[in-house]
Amino acid sequence: MQELLELLIDLCARLGRPILRPLWGNRPQGLLFGFACWFLGLLIFLAILAGLLLWIFW
C-alpha cells in the first residue's frame, strides 16, 4: 500500500513539473516548487479520473 502511495505521489509530481518549470525560472528547486508540482499533478490526475468516471457512467 505504501509503495502504491509513493508511486501516486511521484506520478503527480511528474505530471505537474513540465507545466510549472517554465513559469518558475531556469533552475527550479526547493520545497515550494516540489509541493506546487505535486499539487498541480494531483489536480490533473483527479480531473482525468473524474472525466473517465463521467464518461463511463454518463
Protein backbone atom coordinates (compact mmCIF):
# COMPACT_ATOMS: atom_id res chain seq x y z
CA MET A 1 0.00 0.00 0.00
CA GLN A 2 2.83 2.37 0.87
CA GLU A 3 4.57 1.66 -2.45
CA LEU A 4 1.34 2.45 -4.31
CA LEU A 5 1.04 5.75 -2.44
CA GLU A 6 4.67 6.63 -3.22
CA LEU A 7 4.06 5.79 -6.88
CA LEU A 8 0.98 8.04 -6.95
CA ILE A 9 2.91 10.91 -5.34
CA ASP A 10 5.73 10.50 -7.86
CA LEU A 11 3.25 10.36 -10.76
CA CYS A 12 1.55 13.54 -9.59
CA ALA A 13 4.89 15.33 -9.26
CA ARG A 14 5.91 14.23 -12.75
CA LEU A 15 2.62 15.46 -14.21
CA GLY A 16 2.97 18.94 -12.75
CA ARG A 17 6.70 19.51 -13.29
CA PRO A 18 6.71 20.21 -17.08
CA ILE A 19 3.95 22.77 -16.69
CA LEU A 20 5.49 24.66 -13.79
CA ARG A 21 9.15 24.56 -14.84
CA PRO A 22 8.92 27.34 -17.49
CA LEU A 23 6.90 29.51 -15.12
CA TRP A 24 9.23 29.04 -12.15
CA GLY A 25 12.55 30.02 -13.69
CA ASN A 26 15.75 28.49 -15.00
CA ARG A 27 16.60 26.01 -12.24
CA PRO A 28 13.56 25.45 -10.04
CA GLN A 29 14.15 23.71 -6.76
CA GLY A 30 13.03 23.75 -3.21
CA LEU A 31 10.14 22.51 -1.17
CA LEU A 32 7.64 25.02 -2.53
CA PHE A 33 8.35 24.03 -6.13
CA GLY A 34 8.07 20.35 -5.23
CA PHE A 35 4.76 20.87 -3.46
CA ALA A 36 3.43 23.00 -6.32
CA CYS A 37 4.36 20.29 -8.84
CA TRP A 38 2.74 17.63 -6.72
CA PHE A 39 -0.43 19.66 -6.17
CA LEU A 40 -0.84 20.56 -9.84
CA GLY A 41 -0.21 16.94 -10.81
CA LEU A 42 -2.80 15.81 -8.29
CA LEU A 43 -5.34 18.19 -9.78
CA ILE A 44 -4.58 16.89 -13.28
CA PHE A 45 -4.85 13.29 -12.08
CA LEU A 46 -8.19 13.95 -10.36
CA ALA A 47 -9.54 15.76 -13.43
CA ILE A 48 -8.62 12.79 -15.65
CA LEU A 49 -10.18 10.38 -13.17
CA ALA A 50 -13.37 12.47 -12.96
CA GLY A 51 -13.54 12.64 -16.75
CA LEU A 52 -13.24 8.87 -17.02
CA LEU A 53 -15.92 8.33 -14.40
CA LEU A 54 -18.27 10.74 -16.16
CA TRP A 55 -17.59 9.05 -19.48
CA ILE A 56 -18.27 5.59 -18.04
CA PHE A 57 -21.38 6.38 -16.01
CA TRP A 58 -23.00 9.07 -18.15
